[in-house]
Amino acid sequence: MKKFRNILIVWGIVTILYTAWSIFSYFRTESVLFHLSGGLFVSGILTFAIGMFSHMSATGLFDGIMYGFKRNRRAKLKEIDADYEEDEEEDPEDRQLRKQSAWNWVFVGVGSIALSFLVALI
């Protein structure tokens, strides 16, 4: 449960904020379940997006994109300090933990979207 604490905090805050906002801003004649369904959907999409971008980062997709920027930064830092050394690469175990954490975000997002559809059917 400790792994999901941050995810659930973000998910809960977004759900509550969106639900409260939608109750007071538009469709005031609709039920609270209608607004809760919208809040669950929005928070589900947000957590799903965070999870997918985190997973792409953990698999190394952005490493290739960022290579040129890192090389340029390294050259500029070498001009300033000739003894500058890059940090070591990430361990495969750490990368695997980041992947698992990213999948947790994705699963919560998908579950929230499914829950929003179930609430909408009620």
Protein backbone atom coordinates (compact mmCIF):
# COMPACT_ATOMS: atom_id res chain seq x y z
CA MET A 1 0.00 0.00 0.00
CA LYS A 2 2.97 2.30 0.60
CA LYS A 3 3.76 2.22 -3.14
CA PHE A 4 0.31 3.53 -3.98
CA ARG A 5 0.15 6.31 -1.36
CA ASN A 6 1.39 9.13 -3.62
CA ILE A 7 -0.69 7.91 -6.52
CA LEU A 8 -3.84 7.76 -4.43
CA ILE A 9 -3.20 11.20 -2.95
CA VAL A 10 -2.92 12.77 -6.43
CA TRP A 11 -5.89 10.76 -7.68
CA GLY A 12 -8.06 11.72 -4.71
CA ILE A 13 -7.20 15.42 -4.81
CA VAL A 14 -7.88 15.70 -8.54
CA THR A 15 -11.14 13.76 -8.20
CA ILE A 16 -12.39 15.91 -5.34
CA LEU A 17 -11.34 19.20 -6.93
CA TYR A 18 -12.85 18.42 -10.32
CA THR A 19 -16.05 17.07 -8.78
CA ALA A 20 -16.49 20.15 -6.58
CA TRP A 21 -15.68 22.47 -9.46
CA SER A 22 -18.15 20.79 -11.79
CA ILE A 23 -20.94 20.79 -9.17
CA PHE A 24 -20.68 24.54 -8.72
CA SER A 25 -19.82 25.61 -12.24
CA TYR A 26 -22.06 23.82 -14.71
CA PHE A 27 -24.82 21.19 -15.02
CA ARG A 28 -26.14 22.11 -11.58
CA THR A 29 -29.29 20.10 -12.19
CA GLU A 30 -27.36 16.84 -12.58
CA SER A 31 -26.77 14.43 -9.71
CA VAL A 32 -23.63 14.24 -7.62
CA LEU A 33 -22.87 10.84 -9.18
CA PHE A 34 -22.77 12.51 -12.60
CA HIS A 35 -20.15 14.96 -11.35
CA LEU A 36 -18.26 12.23 -9.48
CA SER A 37 -18.10 10.21 -12.68
CA GLY A 38 -16.53 13.18 -14.45
CA GLY A 39 -14.04 13.66 -11.61
CA LEU A 40 -13.04 10.00 -11.71
CA PHE A 41 -12.60 10.17 -15.46
CA VAL A 42 -10.43 13.30 -15.36
CA SER A 43 -8.26 11.97 -12.55
CA GLY A 44 -7.99 8.63 -14.36
CA ILE A 45 -6.80 10.27 -17.56
CA LEU A 46 -4.30 12.38 -15.61
CA THR A 47 -2.83 9.44 -13.67
CA PHE A 48 -2.76 7.32 -16.84
CA ALA A 49 -0.82 10.06 -18.66
CA ILE A 50 1.64 10.43 -15.76
CA GLY A 51 2.14 6.67 -15.75
CA MET A 52 2.71 6.40 -19.48
CA PHE A 53 5.21 9.28 -19.57
CA SER A 54 6.98 7.81 -16.52
CA HIS A 55 7.15 4.43 -18.23
CA MET A 56 8.53 5.94 -21.43
CA SER A 57 11.17 7.70 -19.34
CA ALA A 58 12.03 4.52 -17.45
CA THR A 59 12.42 2.51 -20.67
CA GLY A 60 14.85 5.06 -22.05
CA LEU A 61 12.78 6.68 -24.79
CA PHE A 62 13.75 10.17 -23.69
CA ASP A 63 17.43 9.19 -23.35
CA GLY A 64 17.80 9.18 -27.11
CA ILE A 65 15.93 12.43 -27.51
CA MET A 66 17.95 14.13 -24.77
CA TYR A 67 21.36 12.84 -25.93
CA GLY A 68 22.21 15.95 -27.96
CA PHE A 69 21.17 18.30 -25.17
CA LYS A 70 23.25 16.34 -22.64
CA ARG A 71 26.28 16.33 -24.95
CA ASN A 72 26.02 20.09 -25.43
CA ARG A 73 25.65 20.68 -21.68
CA ARG A 74 28.61 18.41 -20.95
CA ALA A 75 30.80 20.35 -23.42
CA LYS A 76 29.85 23.69 -21.85
CA LEU A 77 30.52 22.37 -18.33
CA LYS A 78 33.90 21.00 -19.46
CA GLU A 79 34.81 24.51 -20.66
CA ILE A 80 34.01 25.88 -17.20
CA ASP A 81 35.55 23.04 -15.21
CA ALA A 82 37.99 20.69 -16.93
CA ASP A 83 37.59 18.12 -14.13
CA TYR A 84 33.84 17.78 -14.69
CA GLU A 85 32.63 14.17 -14.85
CA GLU A 86 29.15 12.89 -15.65
CA ASP A 87 27.16 10.98 -13.09
CA GLU A 88 27.12 7.23 -13.42
CA GLU A 89 24.42 5.57 -15.44
CA GLU A 90 21.35 4.27 -13.67
CA ASP A 91 21.40 0.67 -12.43
CA PRO A 92 19.13 -1.79 -14.24
CA GLU A 93 17.49 -2.57 -10.88
CA ASP A 94 16.63 1.12 -10.36
CA ARG A 95 15.26 1.33 -13.88
CA GLN A 96 13.11 -1.75 -13.23
CA LEU A 97 11.74 -0.17 -10.04
CA ARG A 98 10.89 2.99 -12.00
CA LYS A 99 9.09 0.89 -14.61
CA GLN A 100 7.05 -0.88 -11.93
CA SER A 101 6.16 2.43 -10.29
CA ALA A 102 5.06 3.78 -13.68
CA TRP A 103 2.84 0.74 -14.25
CA ASN A 104 1.21 1.37 -10.86
CA TRP A 105 0.20 4.84 -12.09
CA VAL A 106 -1.16 3.34 -15.30
CA PHE A 107 -3.20 0.71 -13.45
CA VAL A 108 -4.74 3.30 -11.12
CA GLY A 109 -5.60 5.47 -14.14
CA VAL A 110 -7.26 2.64 -16.03
CA GLY A 111 -9.12 1.55 -12.89
CA SER A 112 -10.36 5.08 -12.32
CA ILE A 113 -11.60 5.39 -15.90
CA ALA A 114 -13.41 2.05 -15.61
CA LEU A 115 -14.89 3.13 -12.27
CA SER A 116 -16.10 6.39 -13.82
CA PHE A 117 -17.99 4.43 -16.48
CA LEU A 118 -19.54 2.19 -13.83
CA VAL A 119 -20.64 5.21 -11.79
CA ALA A 120 -22.08 6.78 -14.95
CA LEU A 121 -24.19 3.67 -15.55
CA ILE A 122 -25.72 3.83 -12.07
